[in-house]
Amino acid sequence: MTEVTDADFAAEVIGADLPVLVEFTADWCPPCRQMGPVLKALASEEGDRLKVVQLDVDANPGTTNAYKVLSMPTFMVFRGGEPVKAMVGARAKRRLLEELADVL
């Protein structure tokens, strides 16, 4: 799974051809760590329809503040350079897929 930063967010997320699921995460966040295997599986299974990336909120405050992210993990889906969906909190892979169905 790709890690993005303030420096490459525009190129990796805003300019992406596919919809992009961004997990705003932090090392100190247990639910964020819990989502790791779920997101890796999602990235490998849906890679042709969805790009999955992580952004460390502590290391990248610019992007975090720009999208008003306050809780971890926050998931945002970007399509065509715009955020089209946001979800807060850890969730099972099945539920995450259900919530992403309308943006894929």
N, C-alpha and C. Protein backbone atom coordinates (compact mmCIF):
# COMPACT_ATOMS: atom_id res chain seq x y z
N MET A 1 0.85 -1.18 0.00
CA MET A 1 0.00 0.00 0.00
C MET A 1 0.89 1.24 0.00
N THR A 2 0.50 2.22 -0.78
CA THR A 2 1.31 3.42 -0.95
C THR A 2 1.12 4.40 0.20
N GLU A 3 2.21 4.99 0.65
CA GLU A 3 2.13 6.08 1.63
C GLU A 3 2.25 7.38 0.86
N VAL A 4 1.38 8.33 1.14
CA VAL A 4 1.47 9.63 0.50
C VAL A 4 1.82 10.69 1.55
N THR A 5 2.32 11.82 1.06
CA THR A 5 2.74 12.90 1.95
C THR A 5 2.13 14.21 1.45
N ASP A 6 2.30 15.26 2.24
CA ASP A 6 1.87 16.58 1.79
C ASP A 6 2.48 16.89 0.43
N ALA A 7 3.75 16.51 0.25
CA ALA A 7 4.49 16.85 -0.97
C ALA A 7 3.94 16.16 -2.21
N ASP A 8 3.52 14.89 -2.10
CA ASP A 8 3.06 14.18 -3.30
C ASP A 8 1.56 13.91 -3.33
N PHE A 9 0.82 14.48 -2.39
CA PHE A 9 -0.63 14.24 -2.33
C PHE A 9 -1.32 14.64 -3.64
N ALA A 10 -0.98 15.80 -4.16
CA ALA A 10 -1.63 16.27 -5.39
C ALA A 10 -1.38 15.31 -6.55
N ALA A 11 -0.15 14.85 -6.70
CA ALA A 11 0.18 13.95 -7.80
C ALA A 11 -0.45 12.57 -7.61
N GLU A 12 -0.35 12.03 -6.39
CA GLU A 12 -0.80 10.66 -6.13
C GLU A 12 -2.31 10.52 -5.98
N VAL A 13 -2.96 11.54 -5.42
CA VAL A 13 -4.39 11.43 -5.11
C VAL A 13 -5.24 12.32 -6.03
N ILE A 14 -4.96 13.62 -6.02
CA ILE A 14 -5.76 14.55 -6.81
C ILE A 14 -5.66 14.25 -8.30
N GLY A 15 -4.46 13.88 -8.75
CA GLY A 15 -4.25 13.63 -10.18
C GLY A 15 -4.44 12.19 -10.61
N ALA A 16 -4.91 11.33 -9.72
CA ALA A 16 -5.04 9.90 -10.05
C ALA A 16 -6.18 9.66 -11.03
N ASP A 17 -5.99 8.66 -11.89
CA ASP A 17 -7.03 8.28 -12.86
C ASP A 17 -8.17 7.50 -12.19
N LEU A 18 -7.82 6.68 -11.22
CA LEU A 18 -8.80 5.86 -10.50
C LEU A 18 -9.33 6.62 -9.29
N PRO A 19 -10.48 6.20 -8.75
CA PRO A 19 -10.87 6.71 -7.43
C PRO A 19 -9.78 6.30 -6.42
N VAL A 20 -9.55 7.15 -5.42
CA VAL A 20 -8.49 6.89 -4.43
C VAL A 20 -9.11 6.88 -3.05
N LEU A 21 -8.85 5.79 -2.30
CA LEU A 21 -9.25 5.72 -0.90
C LEU A 21 -8.03 6.12 -0.07
N VAL A 22 -8.15 7.21 0.68
CA VAL A 22 -7.06 7.68 1.53
C VAL A 22 -7.41 7.36 2.97
N GLU A 23 -6.51 6.66 3.65
CA GLU A 23 -6.67 6.47 5.09
C GLU A 23 -5.78 7.49 5.78
N PHE A 24 -6.40 8.39 6.53
CA PHE A 24 -5.65 9.31 7.38
C PHE A 24 -5.37 8.54 8.66
N THR A 25 -4.10 8.30 8.94
CA THR A 25 -3.72 7.37 9.99
C THR A 25 -2.63 7.95 10.88
N ALA A 26 -2.33 7.26 11.98
CA ALA A 26 -1.26 7.67 12.88
C ALA A 26 -0.68 6.43 13.55
N ASP A 27 0.62 6.46 13.83
CA ASP A 27 1.28 5.32 14.46
C ASP A 27 0.69 4.99 15.83
N TRP A 28 0.22 6.00 16.54
CA TRP A 28 -0.27 5.82 17.91
C TRP A 28 -1.74 5.37 17.96
N CYS A 29 -2.34 5.09 16.81
CA CYS A 29 -3.78 4.80 16.74
C CYS A 29 -4.03 3.30 16.55
N PRO A 30 -4.47 2.59 17.62
CA PRO A 30 -4.72 1.14 17.49
C PRO A 30 -5.74 0.78 16.40
N PRO A 31 -6.88 1.49 16.28
CA PRO A 31 -7.81 1.12 15.20
C PRO A 31 -7.19 1.30 13.80
N CYS A 32 -6.25 2.25 13.68
CA CYS A 32 -5.58 2.45 12.39
C CYS A 32 -4.73 1.22 12.06
N ARG A 33 -3.99 0.73 13.05
CA ARG A 33 -3.15 -0.47 12.84
C ARG A 33 -4.04 -1.67 12.50
N GLN A 34 -5.19 -1.74 13.13
CA GLN A 34 -6.14 -2.83 12.89
C GLN A 34 -6.62 -2.81 11.43
N MET A 35 -6.68 -1.63 10.81
CA MET A 35 -7.15 -1.52 9.43
C MET A 35 -6.09 -1.91 8.40
N GLY A 36 -4.84 -2.01 8.81
CA GLY A 36 -3.75 -2.33 7.89
C GLY A 36 -4.02 -3.54 7.00
N PRO A 37 -4.28 -4.72 7.60
CA PRO A 37 -4.53 -5.91 6.77
C PRO A 37 -5.77 -5.78 5.89
N VAL A 38 -6.80 -5.10 6.40
CA VAL A 38 -8.03 -4.89 5.62
C VAL A 38 -7.72 -4.07 4.37
N LEU A 39 -6.96 -2.99 4.55
CA LEU A 39 -6.64 -2.11 3.42
C LEU A 39 -5.70 -2.77 2.43
N LYS A 40 -4.76 -3.58 2.94
CA LYS A 40 -3.86 -4.30 2.04
C LYS A 40 -4.65 -5.27 1.17
N ALA A 41 -5.59 -5.99 1.78
CA ALA A 41 -6.43 -6.92 1.02
C ALA A 41 -7.28 -6.17 0.00
N LEU A 42 -7.85 -5.06 0.42
CA LEU A 42 -8.66 -4.24 -0.48
C LEU A 42 -7.83 -3.75 -1.67
N ALA A 43 -6.62 -3.29 -1.39
CA ALA A 43 -5.74 -2.80 -2.45
C ALA A 43 -5.41 -3.89 -3.46
N SER A 44 -5.18 -5.10 -2.98
CA SER A 44 -4.83 -6.18 -3.92
C SER A 44 -6.05 -6.68 -4.68
N GLU A 45 -7.21 -6.70 -4.04
CA GLU A 45 -8.41 -7.22 -4.70
C GLU A 45 -9.07 -6.21 -5.64
N GLU A 46 -9.01 -4.93 -5.28
CA GLU A 46 -9.72 -3.90 -6.06
C GLU A 46 -8.76 -2.96 -6.79
N GLY A 47 -7.49 -3.37 -6.91
CA GLY A 47 -6.47 -2.51 -7.49
C GLY A 47 -6.76 -1.98 -8.89
N ASP A 48 -7.58 -2.71 -9.64
CA ASP A 48 -7.91 -2.25 -10.99
C ASP A 48 -9.02 -1.19 -10.98
N ARG A 49 -9.73 -1.06 -9.85
CA ARG A 49 -10.83 -0.09 -9.76
C ARG A 49 -10.61 1.00 -8.72
N LEU A 50 -9.65 0.77 -7.81
CA LEU A 50 -9.48 1.67 -6.67
C LEU A 50 -8.02 1.69 -6.24
N LYS A 51 -7.50 2.89 -6.03
CA LYS A 51 -6.15 3.06 -5.48
C LYS A 51 -6.30 3.28 -3.98
N VAL A 52 -5.50 2.59 -3.18
CA VAL A 52 -5.57 2.70 -1.72
C VAL A 52 -4.25 3.26 -1.21
N VAL A 53 -4.32 4.37 -0.48
CA VAL A 53 -3.11 5.00 0.06
C VAL A 53 -3.32 5.36 1.52
N GLN A 54 -2.20 5.59 2.23
CA GLN A 54 -2.23 6.03 3.62
C GLN A 54 -1.50 7.36 3.74
N LEU A 55 -1.99 8.21 4.63
CA LEU A 55 -1.32 9.47 4.93
C LEU A 55 -1.16 9.58 6.44
N ASP A 56 0.08 9.72 6.91
CA ASP A 56 0.36 9.86 8.34
C ASP A 56 0.02 11.30 8.75
N VAL A 57 -0.98 11.46 9.62
CA VAL A 57 -1.44 12.80 9.99
C VAL A 57 -0.39 13.60 10.75
N ASP A 58 0.45 12.92 11.54
CA ASP A 58 1.46 13.63 12.32
C ASP A 58 2.56 14.20 11.42
N ALA A 59 2.92 13.45 10.40
CA ALA A 59 4.00 13.87 9.50
C ALA A 59 3.51 14.80 8.39
N ASN A 60 2.19 14.87 8.18
CA ASN A 60 1.64 15.63 7.06
C ASN A 60 0.47 16.51 7.50
N PRO A 61 0.76 17.50 8.33
CA PRO A 61 -0.33 18.34 8.87
C PRO A 61 -1.03 19.20 7.81
N GLY A 62 -0.35 19.54 6.74
CA GLY A 62 -0.96 20.39 5.73
C GLY A 62 -2.19 19.75 5.10
N THR A 63 -2.04 18.53 4.62
CA THR A 63 -3.16 17.82 3.99
C THR A 63 -4.22 17.50 5.03
N THR A 64 -3.79 17.07 6.21
CA THR A 64 -4.71 16.73 7.29
C THR A 64 -5.61 17.92 7.62
N ASN A 65 -5.02 19.09 7.77
CA ASN A 65 -5.79 20.30 8.10
C ASN A 65 -6.64 20.77 6.92
N ALA A 66 -6.13 20.62 5.71
CA ALA A 66 -6.87 21.06 4.53
C ALA A 66 -8.21 20.33 4.41
N TYR A 67 -8.24 19.06 4.81
CA TYR A 67 -9.48 18.28 4.71
C TYR A 67 -10.18 18.14 6.06
N LYS A 68 -9.73 18.93 7.05
CA LYS A 68 -10.37 19.00 8.36
C LYS A 68 -10.53 17.62 9.01
N VAL A 69 -9.46 16.85 8.96
CA VAL A 69 -9.47 15.52 9.57
C VAL A 69 -9.16 15.66 11.05
N LEU A 70 -10.09 15.19 11.90
CA LEU A 70 -9.94 15.31 13.34
C LEU A 70 -9.81 13.97 14.05
N SER A 71 -10.37 12.91 13.48
CA SER A 71 -10.36 11.60 14.13
C SER A 71 -9.62 10.59 13.26
N MET A 72 -8.99 9.62 13.93
CA MET A 72 -8.29 8.55 13.22
C MET A 72 -8.96 7.22 13.53
N PRO A 73 -9.05 6.32 12.57
CA PRO A 73 -8.77 6.58 11.15
C PRO A 73 -9.95 7.29 10.48
N THR A 74 -9.63 8.18 9.57
CA THR A 74 -10.63 8.77 8.67
C THR A 74 -10.31 8.27 7.27
N PHE A 75 -11.33 7.83 6.58
CA PHE A 75 -11.18 7.37 5.20
C PHE A 75 -11.87 8.38 4.30
N MET A 76 -11.18 8.81 3.25
CA MET A 76 -11.79 9.70 2.27
C MET A 76 -11.59 9.12 0.90
N VAL A 77 -12.64 9.17 0.10
CA VAL A 77 -12.55 8.73 -1.28
C VAL A 77 -12.49 9.97 -2.16
N PHE A 78 -11.48 10.02 -3.01
CA PHE A 78 -11.32 11.11 -3.96
C PHE A 78 -11.58 10.57 -5.36
N ARG A 79 -12.39 11.29 -6.11
CA ARG A 79 -12.62 10.93 -7.51
C ARG A 79 -12.57 12.21 -8.32
N GLY A 80 -11.78 12.20 -9.38
CA GLY A 80 -11.64 13.39 -10.20
C GLY A 80 -11.05 14.55 -9.42
N GLY A 81 -10.22 14.25 -8.42
CA GLY A 81 -9.56 15.29 -7.65
C GLY A 81 -10.37 15.87 -6.51
N GLU A 82 -11.60 15.40 -6.34
CA GLU A 82 -12.47 15.94 -5.29
C GLU A 82 -12.83 14.85 -4.28
N PRO A 83 -12.94 15.22 -2.99
CA PRO A 83 -13.41 14.23 -2.02
C PRO A 83 -14.91 13.99 -2.22
N VAL A 84 -15.29 12.73 -2.41
CA VAL A 84 -16.70 12.41 -2.67
C VAL A 84 -17.34 11.63 -1.53
N LYS A 85 -16.52 11.15 -0.59
CA LYS A 85 -17.08 10.38 0.53
C LYS A 85 -16.08 10.39 1.67
N ALA A 86 -16.59 10.45 2.90
CA ALA A 86 -15.73 10.37 4.08
C ALA A 86 -16.37 9.45 5.10
N MET A 87 -15.53 8.65 5.76
CA MET A 87 -15.99 7.71 6.79
C MET A 87 -14.99 7.78 7.94
N VAL A 88 -15.48 7.71 9.15
CA VAL A 88 -14.60 7.78 10.32
C VAL A 88 -14.72 6.49 11.11
N GLY A 89 -13.56 5.94 11.51
CA GLY A 89 -13.55 4.76 12.37
C GLY A 89 -13.24 3.48 11.62
N ALA A 90 -12.68 2.53 12.38
CA ALA A 90 -12.35 1.22 11.82
C ALA A 90 -13.63 0.48 11.47
N ARG A 91 -13.53 -0.35 10.45
CA ARG A 91 -14.68 -1.15 10.04
C ARG A 91 -14.19 -2.44 9.38
N ALA A 92 -15.06 -3.43 9.33
CA ALA A 92 -14.73 -4.70 8.69
C ALA A 92 -14.64 -4.49 7.18
N LYS A 93 -13.88 -5.36 6.52
CA LYS A 93 -13.69 -5.23 5.08
C LYS A 93 -15.03 -5.27 4.33
N ARG A 94 -15.91 -6.17 4.72
CA ARG A 94 -17.20 -6.29 4.04
C ARG A 94 -17.97 -4.97 4.13
N ARG A 95 -17.99 -4.37 5.31
CA ARG A 95 -18.71 -3.11 5.49
C ARG A 95 -18.05 -1.99 4.67
N LEU A 96 -16.72 -1.97 4.66
CA LEU A 96 -16.00 -0.97 3.90
C LEU A 96 -16.33 -1.10 2.41
N LEU A 97 -16.36 -2.32 1.91
CA LEU A 97 -16.71 -2.54 0.50
C LEU A 97 -18.13 -2.08 0.20
N GLU A 98 -19.06 -2.35 1.13
CA GLU A 98 -20.45 -1.91 0.94
C GLU A 98 -20.51 -0.39 0.87
N GLU A 99 -19.75 0.30 1.74
CA GLU A 99 -19.77 1.75 1.76
C GLU A 99 -19.09 2.36 0.54
N LEU A 100 -18.18 1.60 -0.07
CA LEU A 100 -17.47 2.10 -1.25
C LEU A 100 -18.20 1.78 -2.55
N ALA A 101 -19.21 0.93 -2.48
CA ALA A 101 -19.88 0.46 -3.70
C ALA A 101 -20.38 1.60 -4.58
N ASP A 102 -20.89 2.66 -3.97
CA ASP A 102 -21.48 3.75 -4.77
C ASP A 102 -20.43 4.67 -5.40
N VAL A 103 -19.16 4.55 -5.01
CA VAL A 103 -18.14 5.41 -5.60
C VAL A 103 -17.17 4.64 -6.51
N LEU A 104 -17.32 3.34 -6.56
CA LEU A 104 -16.44 2.54 -7.44
C LEU A 104 -17.04 2.41 -8.82
